[in-house]
Protein backbone atom coordinates (compact mmCIF):
# COMPACT_ATOMS: atom_id res chain seq x y z
CA MET A 1 -32.59 14.76 10.28
CA THR A 2 -34.20 11.38 11.01
CA ASP A 3 -32.31 8.65 12.86
CA ALA A 4 -32.07 6.57 9.67
CA MET A 5 -30.59 9.45 7.67
CA GLU A 6 -28.09 10.13 10.43
CA ASP A 7 -27.02 6.47 10.59
CA ARG A 8 -26.53 6.36 6.83
CA ARG A 9 -24.52 9.59 6.95
CA GLN A 10 -22.27 8.20 9.67
CA LEU A 11 -21.60 4.97 7.78
CA LEU A 12 -20.62 7.00 4.73
CA GLN A 13 -18.30 9.11 6.88
CA ILE A 14 -16.69 5.97 8.32
CA PHE A 15 -16.12 4.64 4.80
CA GLN A 16 -14.65 7.97 3.68
CA ALA A 17 -12.28 8.05 6.66
CA ALA A 18 -11.06 4.58 5.78
CA VAL A 19 -10.42 5.54 2.16
CA GLU A 20 -8.61 8.74 3.09
CA ALA A 21 -6.31 6.78 5.41
CA VAL A 22 -4.93 4.79 2.47
CA ASN A 23 -4.80 7.63 -0.08
CA GLY A 24 -1.87 7.15 -2.44
CA ARG A 25 -0.70 10.76 -2.34
CA ALA A 26 -0.50 10.83 1.45
CA ARG A 27 1.03 7.37 1.79
CA VAL A 28 3.79 7.92 -0.77
CA ARG A 29 4.58 11.36 0.62
CA ALA A 30 4.81 10.00 4.17
CA TYR A 31 7.11 7.16 3.10
CA LEU A 32 9.49 9.40 1.18
CA GLU A 33 9.59 11.91 4.04
CA ARG A 34 10.66 9.13 6.40
CA HIS A 35 13.05 7.42 3.97
CA ALA A 36 15.11 9.89 1.99
CA LEU A 37 15.58 8.94 -1.65
CA ALA A 38 18.61 10.49 -3.29
CA ALA A 39 17.86 12.50 -6.42
CA PRO A 40 17.86 12.46 -9.35
CA VAL A 41 15.27 9.76 -10.00
CA TYR A 42 13.10 8.63 -12.88
CA LEU A 43 9.48 7.87 -12.06
CA ILE A 44 7.20 5.12 -13.39
CA ALA A 45 3.64 4.99 -12.01
CA ALA A 46 0.87 2.62 -13.09
CA GLY A 47 -2.56 1.74 -11.75
CA LYS A 48 -5.78 3.38 -10.61
CA ALA A 49 -3.86 5.33 -7.94
CA ALA A 50 -0.94 6.25 -10.22
CA CYS A 51 -1.67 9.99 -10.35
CA SER A 52 -2.30 10.30 -6.64
CA MET A 53 0.92 8.42 -5.83
CA ALA A 54 2.92 10.46 -8.36
CA ARG A 55 1.63 13.67 -6.80
CA GLY A 56 2.84 12.51 -3.39
CA ALA A 57 6.28 11.76 -4.81
CA HIS A 58 6.47 15.13 -6.54
CA GLU A 59 5.60 16.96 -3.31
CA VAL A 60 8.70 15.46 -1.68
CA LEU A 61 11.18 15.12 -4.55
CA GLY A 62 10.14 18.08 -6.71
CA SER A 63 12.62 18.78 -9.52
CA GLY A 64 14.61 15.76 -8.33
CA ILE A 65 12.31 13.75 -10.60
CA ILE A 66 13.97 14.07 -13.99
CA ASP A 67 11.23 12.46 -16.05
CA ALA A 68 8.14 10.32 -15.51
CA LEU A 69 5.81 7.88 -17.22
CA ILE A 70 2.31 7.68 -15.69
CA VAL A 71 -0.47 5.31 -16.76
CA THR A 72 -3.91 5.24 -15.17
CA LYS A 73 -7.52 4.29 -15.78
CA GLU A 74 -9.69 6.50 -17.95
CA GLY A 75 -11.30 9.14 -15.76
CA HIS A 76 -8.63 8.86 -13.04
CA ALA A 77 -6.09 11.27 -14.58
CA GLU A 78 -4.93 14.40 -12.73
CA VAL A 79 -2.96 17.42 -13.90
CA LEU A 80 0.71 16.68 -13.19
CA PRO A 81 4.05 18.05 -14.40
CA TRP A 82 4.25 15.11 -16.82
CA PRO A 83 1.87 13.66 -19.43
CA VAL A 84 -0.59 11.08 -18.15
CA ILE A 85 -1.63 8.13 -20.31
CA GLU A 86 -5.17 6.85 -19.82
CA ALA A 87 -5.92 3.26 -20.81
CA GLY A 88 -8.62 0.59 -20.65
CA HIS A 89 -9.78 -1.18 -17.51
CA PRO A 90 -10.88 -3.85 -16.62
CA VAL A 91 -10.36 -5.01 -20.22
CA PRO A 92 -7.17 -3.78 -21.92
CA ASP A 93 -7.56 -1.73 -25.07
CA ALA A 94 -5.33 -0.27 -27.77
CA ARG A 95 -4.24 2.43 -25.32
CA SER A 96 -2.98 -0.30 -22.95
CA LEU A 97 -0.69 -1.60 -25.67
CA ALA A 98 0.41 1.95 -26.53
CA ALA A 99 1.22 2.48 -22.85
CA GLY A 100 3.28 -0.72 -22.89
CA GLU A 101 5.25 0.54 -25.88
CA ALA A 102 5.74 3.90 -24.14
CA LEU A 103 7.11 2.04 -21.11
CA LEU A 104 9.61 0.16 -23.26
CA ARG A 105 10.80 3.41 -24.85
CA PHE A 106 11.06 5.09 -21.44
CA VAL A 107 13.14 2.27 -19.96
CA ARG A 108 15.44 2.01 -22.97
CA ALA A 109 16.19 5.75 -22.74
CA LEU A 110 17.19 5.63 -19.07
CA PRO A 111 20.84 6.37 -18.26
CA ALA A 112 22.73 3.29 -17.11
CA SER A 113 23.22 4.84 -13.66
CA ALA A 114 19.61 5.98 -13.23
CA ARG A 115 17.63 5.44 -10.03
CA VAL A 116 14.03 4.43 -10.68
CA LEU A 117 11.06 5.08 -8.42
CA ALA A 118 8.15 2.82 -9.38
CA LEU A 119 4.67 3.46 -7.98
CA TRP A 120 2.33 0.53 -8.49
CA SER A 121 -1.34 0.05 -7.65
CA GLY A 122 -4.26 -2.16 -8.63
CA GLY A 123 -5.45 -1.94 -12.20
CA ALA A 124 -1.95 -1.91 -13.69
CA SER A 125 -2.46 -5.40 -15.13
CA ALA A 126 -5.03 -4.15 -17.63
CA LEU A 127 -3.70 -0.62 -18.10
CA LEU A 128 -0.18 -1.48 -19.19
CA GLU A 129 0.64 -4.33 -21.55
CA CYS A 130 3.20 -5.54 -24.05
CA LEU A 131 2.39 -8.74 -25.93
CA PRO A 132 4.59 -11.46 -27.41
CA LEU A 133 4.94 -11.77 -31.16
CA GLY A 134 1.90 -13.41 -32.68
CA VAL A 135 -0.60 -12.24 -30.01
CA ASP A 136 -2.73 -9.22 -30.84
CA LEU A 137 -5.27 -6.98 -29.10
CA GLU A 138 -8.25 -9.01 -30.26
CA GLN A 139 -6.80 -12.15 -28.65
CA LEU A 140 -5.94 -10.23 -25.49
CA ARG A 141 -9.48 -8.90 -25.19
CA ARG A 142 -10.93 -12.35 -25.75
CA ILE A 143 -8.71 -13.78 -23.01
CA ASN A 144 -9.63 -11.01 -20.56
CA ASP A 145 -13.34 -11.37 -21.34
CA TRP A 146 -12.98 -15.08 -20.64
CA LEU A 147 -11.12 -14.39 -17.38
CA LEU A 148 -13.75 -11.92 -16.15
CA GLY A 149 -16.47 -14.51 -16.66
CA GLN A 150 -14.69 -17.32 -14.81
CA ASP A 151 -15.50 -16.41 -11.19
CA LEU A 152 -11.76 -16.05 -10.47
CA ASP A 153 -10.21 -13.79 -7.87
CA VAL A 154 -7.60 -11.19 -8.83
CA VAL A 155 -4.67 -13.41 -7.82
CA GLU A 156 -5.83 -16.23 -10.07
CA MET A 157 -6.46 -13.86 -12.98
CA ASN A 158 -3.06 -12.23 -12.59
CA ARG A 159 -1.37 -15.63 -12.48
CA LEU A 160 -2.47 -16.14 -16.05
CA ARG A 161 -2.04 -12.52 -17.20
CA LYS A 162 1.60 -12.43 -16.14
CA ARG A 163 2.41 -15.54 -18.17
CA LEU A 164 1.15 -13.85 -21.32
CA SER A 165 2.91 -10.50 -20.88
CA LEU A 166 6.38 -9.26 -21.78
CA ILE A 167 6.51 -6.88 -18.79
CA LYS A 168 4.70 -8.73 -15.98
CA GLY A 169 5.95 -11.57 -13.80
CA GLY A 170 9.33 -9.93 -13.18
CA ARG A 171 10.02 -9.15 -16.82
CA LEU A 172 10.07 -5.37 -16.23
CA ALA A 173 12.86 -5.91 -13.70
CA ALA A 174 14.86 -7.63 -16.42
CA LEU A 175 14.32 -4.65 -18.74
CA VAL A 176 15.31 -2.07 -16.10
CA ALA A 177 18.36 -3.94 -14.72
CA PRO A 178 21.00 -3.17 -13.63
CA ARG A 179 19.50 0.13 -12.45
CA ALA A 180 18.43 0.47 -8.81
CA VAL A 181 14.64 0.41 -8.32
CA LEU A 182 12.49 1.37 -5.34
CA CYS A 183 8.89 0.26 -5.83
CA LEU A 184 6.19 1.66 -3.54
CA ALA A 185 2.95 -0.28 -3.90
CA ILE A 186 -0.65 -0.07 -2.75
CA SER A 187 -1.91 -3.60 -2.27
CA ASP A 188 -5.19 -4.68 -3.83
CA VAL A 189 -4.60 -8.41 -3.28
CA PRO A 190 -5.13 -10.76 -0.32
CA GLY A 191 -1.91 -11.43 1.53
CA ASP A 192 -0.30 -8.25 0.14
CA GLN A 193 2.24 -10.22 -1.90
CA PRO A 194 4.10 -7.90 -4.34
CA ARG A 195 4.12 -10.64 -6.98
CA ASN A 196 0.33 -10.34 -7.19
CA ILE A 197 0.04 -6.53 -7.31
CA GLY A 198 -0.35 -5.47 -10.93
CA SER A 199 0.89 -8.95 -11.90
CA GLY A 200 4.28 -8.38 -10.27
CA PRO A 201 6.34 -6.66 -13.01
CA LEU A 202 9.36 -6.07 -10.74
CA VAL A 203 9.41 -9.22 -8.62
CA PRO A 204 9.79 -12.93 -9.43
CA ASP A 205 6.74 -15.12 -9.73
CA GLU A 206 6.34 -17.71 -6.96
CA SER A 207 6.47 -20.47 -9.54
CA PRO A 208 7.01 -19.64 -13.21
CA THR A 209 5.51 -23.00 -14.16
CA THR A 210 2.35 -22.69 -12.07
CA THR A 211 -0.75 -23.61 -14.05
CA PRO A 212 -3.90 -21.55 -13.38
CA LYS A 213 -6.71 -23.45 -11.69
CA ALA A 214 -9.19 -22.70 -14.46
CA VAL A 215 -9.43 -25.15 -17.35
CA LEU A 216 -7.83 -23.28 -20.23
CA PRO A 217 -9.49 -23.21 -23.64
CA ASP A 218 -7.28 -23.73 -26.68
CA PHE A 219 -7.17 -20.04 -27.66
CA VAL A 220 -5.69 -19.21 -24.25
CA ARG A 221 -3.10 -22.00 -24.37
CA VAL A 222 -1.92 -20.93 -27.84
CA ALA A 223 -1.34 -17.35 -26.65
CA LEU A 224 0.52 -18.50 -23.54
CA ASP A 225 2.85 -20.69 -25.61
CA ALA A 226 3.94 -17.59 -27.57
CA ALA A 227 5.39 -15.85 -24.49
CA PRO A 228 8.97 -16.38 -23.28
CA PRO A 229 9.51 -17.77 -19.76
CA MET A 230 9.52 -15.44 -16.78
CA PRO A 231 12.84 -14.76 -15.00
CA ARG A 232 13.81 -17.22 -12.30
CA ALA A 233 13.62 -16.08 -8.68
CA ASP A 234 17.43 -16.07 -8.42
CA ALA A 235 17.92 -13.99 -11.58
CA PRO A 236 20.41 -11.08 -11.14
CA CYS A 237 17.80 -8.55 -12.32
CA PHE A 238 16.09 -8.70 -8.91
CA SER A 239 19.20 -7.99 -6.85
CA ASP A 240 18.76 -4.20 -6.80
CA VAL A 241 14.95 -4.02 -6.62
CA ARG A 242 13.28 -3.09 -3.31
CA VAL A 243 9.50 -3.24 -2.86
CA GLU A 244 7.60 -1.60 0.00
CA ILE A 245 3.84 -1.81 0.61
CA VAL A 246 2.63 1.66 1.64
CA ALA A 247 -1.11 0.95 1.96
CA ARG A 248 -3.19 -2.19 2.42
CA LEU A 249 -6.69 -3.35 3.30
CA ASP A 250 -5.86 -3.77 6.99
CA ASP A 251 -4.92 -0.08 7.17
CA ALA A 252 -8.33 0.91 5.81
CA LYS A 253 -10.14 -1.44 8.20
CA ALA A 254 -8.24 -0.01 11.17
CA ALA A 255 -9.11 3.53 10.07
CA ALA A 256 -12.79 2.56 9.77
CA GLU A 257 -12.68 1.18 13.31
CA ALA A 258 -11.11 4.39 14.62
CA ALA A 259 -13.73 6.52 12.86
CA ALA A 260 -16.55 4.41 14.31
CA LEU A 261 -15.15 4.80 17.81
CA ARG A 262 -14.85 8.57 17.35
CA ALA A 263 -18.51 8.64 16.32
CA GLY A 264 -19.47 7.02 19.63
CA PHE A 265 -20.10 3.46 18.43
CA GLN A 266 -18.58 0.23 19.54
CA ALA A 267 -16.56 -1.27 16.70
CA ARG A 268 -15.60 -4.75 15.63
CA VAL A 269 -13.06 -5.41 12.89
CA GLU A 270 -13.79 -8.84 11.46
CA SER A 271 -10.65 -10.85 10.67
CA GLU A 272 -12.34 -12.79 7.86
CA PHE A 273 -11.27 -11.97 4.32
CA VAL A 274 -14.59 -11.82 2.48
CA ALA A 275 -14.26 -13.69 -0.79
CA GLY A 276 -16.21 -16.03 -3.03
CA ASP A 277 -19.64 -15.45 -4.51
CA ALA A 278 -20.88 -11.91 -3.86
CA VAL A 279 -24.53 -12.87 -3.44
CA GLN A 280 -23.75 -15.58 -0.90
CA ALA A 281 -21.38 -13.28 0.98
CA GLY A 282 -23.93 -10.47 1.15
CA ALA A 283 -26.57 -12.75 2.62
CA ARG A 284 -24.15 -14.18 5.17
CA LEU A 285 -22.79 -10.83 6.38
CA ALA A 286 -26.27 -9.33 6.70
CA GLN A 287 -27.45 -12.34 8.71
CA ALA A 288 -24.53 -11.89 11.08
CA LEU A 289 -25.38 -8.21 11.42
CA VAL A 290 -29.04 -8.67 12.37
CA ARG A 291 -28.16 -11.41 14.87
CA ASP A 292 -25.60 -9.30 16.74
CA SER A 293 -25.95 -6.59 19.35
CA ALA A 294 -27.14 -3.12 18.44
CA GLY A 295 -24.80 -0.14 18.48
CA VAL A 296 -21.83 -2.08 17.06
CA VAL A 297 -20.20 -1.10 13.77
CA HIS A 298 -18.88 -4.18 11.98
CA VAL A 299 -16.01 -3.78 9.53
CA TRP A 300 -15.21 -6.43 6.94
CA GLY A 301 -12.87 -6.34 3.97
CA GLY A 302 -12.14 -8.44 0.94
CA GLU A 303 -13.02 -8.94 -2.68
CA THR A 304 -15.84 -11.14 -3.89
CA THR A 305 -16.66 -12.43 -7.36
CA VAL A 306 -19.68 -12.48 -9.66
CA ARG A 307 -20.27 -15.03 -12.39
CA LEU A 308 -21.63 -12.96 -15.25
CA PRO A 309 -24.51 -14.10 -17.45
CA PRO A 310 -24.16 -13.78 -21.26
CA ARG A 311 -25.65 -10.26 -21.24
CA PRO A 312 -25.00 -8.74 -17.81
CA GLY A 313 -26.81 -5.63 -16.68
CA ARG A 314 -25.52 -2.70 -14.67
CA GLY A 315 -23.51 -3.24 -11.52
CA GLY A 316 -20.45 -4.76 -9.90
CA ARG A 317 -19.61 -7.19 -7.13
CA ASN A 318 -20.31 -4.69 -4.34
CA GLN A 319 -23.70 -3.79 -5.74
CA SER A 320 -24.62 -7.48 -6.02
CA LEU A 321 -23.34 -8.07 -2.48
CA ALA A 322 -25.29 -5.12 -1.10
CA LEU A 323 -28.54 -6.08 -2.82
CA ALA A 324 -28.23 -9.65 -1.53
CA ALA A 325 -27.68 -8.20 1.95
CA ALA A 326 -30.81 -6.08 1.55
CA TYR A 327 -32.89 -9.28 1.37
CA GLN A 328 -31.76 -10.23 4.86
CA LEU A 329 -32.29 -6.70 6.17
CA ALA A 330 -35.84 -6.38 4.81
CA GLY A 331 -38.11 -5.25 7.64
CA HIS A 332 -35.16 -4.54 9.96
CA HIS A 333 -35.45 -0.76 9.88
CA ASP A 334 -32.67 -0.41 12.44
CA ALA A 335 -30.06 -2.11 10.19
CA PHE A 336 -27.72 -0.55 7.61
CA PHE A 337 -25.06 -2.16 5.40
CA LEU A 338 -22.47 -0.59 3.09
CA ALA A 339 -20.36 -2.39 0.48
CA ALA A 340 -18.04 -0.35 -1.73
CA GLY A 341 -14.76 -0.40 -3.59
CA THR A 342 -12.04 1.72 -2.04
CA ASP A 343 -11.01 2.85 -5.54
CA GLY A 344 -14.39 4.49 -6.08
CA THR A 345 -15.50 2.08 -8.81
CA ASP A 346 -17.43 -1.17 -8.74
CA GLY A 347 -17.07 -3.31 -11.82
CA PRO A 348 -17.61 -1.45 -15.12
CA THR A 349 -19.67 1.28 -13.41
CA PRO A 350 -18.89 4.77 -12.08
CA ASP A 351 -20.45 3.85 -8.71
CA ALA A 352 -18.38 2.69 -5.75
CA GLY A 353 -21.07 0.39 -4.37
CA ALA A 354 -24.18 0.79 -2.28
CA LEU A 355 -25.53 1.49 1.20
CA VAL A 356 -28.70 -0.54 1.83
CA ASP A 357 -31.10 -0.78 4.76
CA GLY A 358 -34.31 -2.45 5.87
CA GLY A 359 -36.36 -0.46 3.38
CA THR A 360 -34.25 -1.01 0.25
CA LEU A 361 -36.37 -3.81 -1.22
CA GLU A 362 -39.57 -1.90 -0.57
CA ARG A 363 -38.27 1.25 -2.26
CA GLY A 364 -36.99 -0.59 -5.32
CA SER A 365 -40.13 -2.72 -5.65
CA ALA A 366 -42.23 0.43 -5.56
CA GLN A 367 -40.47 1.40 -8.80
CA GLY A 368 -41.62 -1.83 -10.44
CA LEU A 369 -38.33 -3.72 -10.11
CA ASP A 370 -37.63 -7.25 -8.87
CA ALA A 371 -34.47 -7.67 -6.76
CA ARG A 372 -34.04 -11.41 -7.34
CA ALA A 373 -34.33 -10.94 -11.09
CA ALA A 374 -31.82 -8.10 -10.91
CA LEU A 375 -29.31 -10.32 -9.08
CA ALA A 376 -29.77 -13.12 -11.61
CA ARG A 377 -29.06 -10.70 -14.47
CA ALA A 378 -26.07 -9.11 -12.68
CA ASP A 379 -28.15 -5.93 -12.81
CA ALA A 380 -28.10 -4.93 -9.14
CA GLY A 381 -27.13 -1.37 -10.05
CA THR A 382 -30.42 -0.73 -11.81
CA PHE A 383 -32.40 -1.78 -8.74
CA LEU A 384 -30.17 0.13 -6.33
CA GLU A 385 -30.43 3.30 -8.39
CA ALA A 386 -34.22 3.02 -8.16
CA SER A 387 -34.06 2.44 -4.38
CA GLY A 388 -31.73 5.43 -3.93
CA ASP A 389 -28.88 3.40 -2.42
CA LEU A 390 -25.94 3.75 -4.83
CA ILE A 391 -22.71 5.34 -3.57
CA HIS A 392 -20.77 7.59 -5.95
CA THR A 393 -17.40 8.92 -4.76
CA GLY A 394 -15.45 9.39 -7.97
CA PRO A 395 -11.80 8.27 -8.13
CA THR A 396 -10.29 8.07 -4.64
CA GLY A 397 -6.56 7.90 -5.32
CA THR A 398 -6.24 4.45 -3.79
CA ASN A 399 -7.23 0.81 -4.27
CA VAL A 400 -7.09 -1.65 -1.36
CA MET A 401 -10.01 -3.86 -2.45
CA ASP A 402 -13.47 -3.56 -0.90
CA LEU A 403 -14.94 -2.58 2.46
CA MET A 404 -18.20 -3.78 3.98
CA ILE A 405 -19.51 -1.85 7.00
CA GLY A 406 -22.66 -2.75 8.93
CA LEU A 407 -24.60 -1.15 11.78
CA ARG A 408 -27.71 -1.93 13.81
CA ARG A 409 -29.02 1.15 15.57
């Protein structure tokens, strides 16, 4: 095995170790083993990691779980003792609305004395929805398409999504009350605030009157006006709801550092939360990598954005970030850079991201492709497939945003 192949293999192993450290099944199981939850309980799980988290709960509680409702992204379902609903992501679809109706039926059927275990992870905002009267799926899709093209981070998008919904922004807590609820969450948002995870269905919004930063077109304003107000922070429905974060980005970064040290490297966990434009971030991180000492594994985390053209190509933010980094690495055959989503998906693609190096541009160009044109078209995935640099993990059972890992040999 050449040195370059070995370095790439080790970066992939470091990424995998980080993802495994925040796996939903393991994190939920560990929490419930440390903090006994009296049975019987009713289980609600939603998000990309819903099945993994539900499996962890079942391994501890077993038949103590009386019934469960589980909603996850298409392709992320697992075989469990209960039916699993798959729905649309990142844009809600008819299945998302059906899942919302199923949630309402599930909650209404709960005994008044029931204990509820809620397992929430990123993706729940799109996967589970119930709309106010007068707003339909076509309007919801149009709003989400508009949101995805606005260069907004997940917190800003969820701030608007929760205003439109009948279950987000604390409204699910109002539906479940007065039953006791324990919510275990995997954070996919900066700051790890529960109100921003899956649009905060069980916790109050920080400010129910907050206006999103984006200038709202009329069709968005009309839909928002149809929704009732969110519960106030002092509403009684929140008095018996407890939320615990069981996995976060910092946990994954720490695990990546530990894996790098075990592999014999020096390691540096960067405190910066990488956000903003993916192309600019990729160039900046790669420049920092090539300027620094050799033999050091750098670990960054965050979530960038991509402003999509009218007809975007194949790829996601991590693929755009990685291809932009490849420009700075060109000719540096001792440099390697990985950018990938911890959930195993990057944008509307089945790929987690990419691992690029000093030869990426050369390999892709040899296939007749132009990297700058690919970035302009939001088509980084096509170039990176040709250069042989895409990462495909499949669903990982977690979602703590994105990791970027760099190494100079």
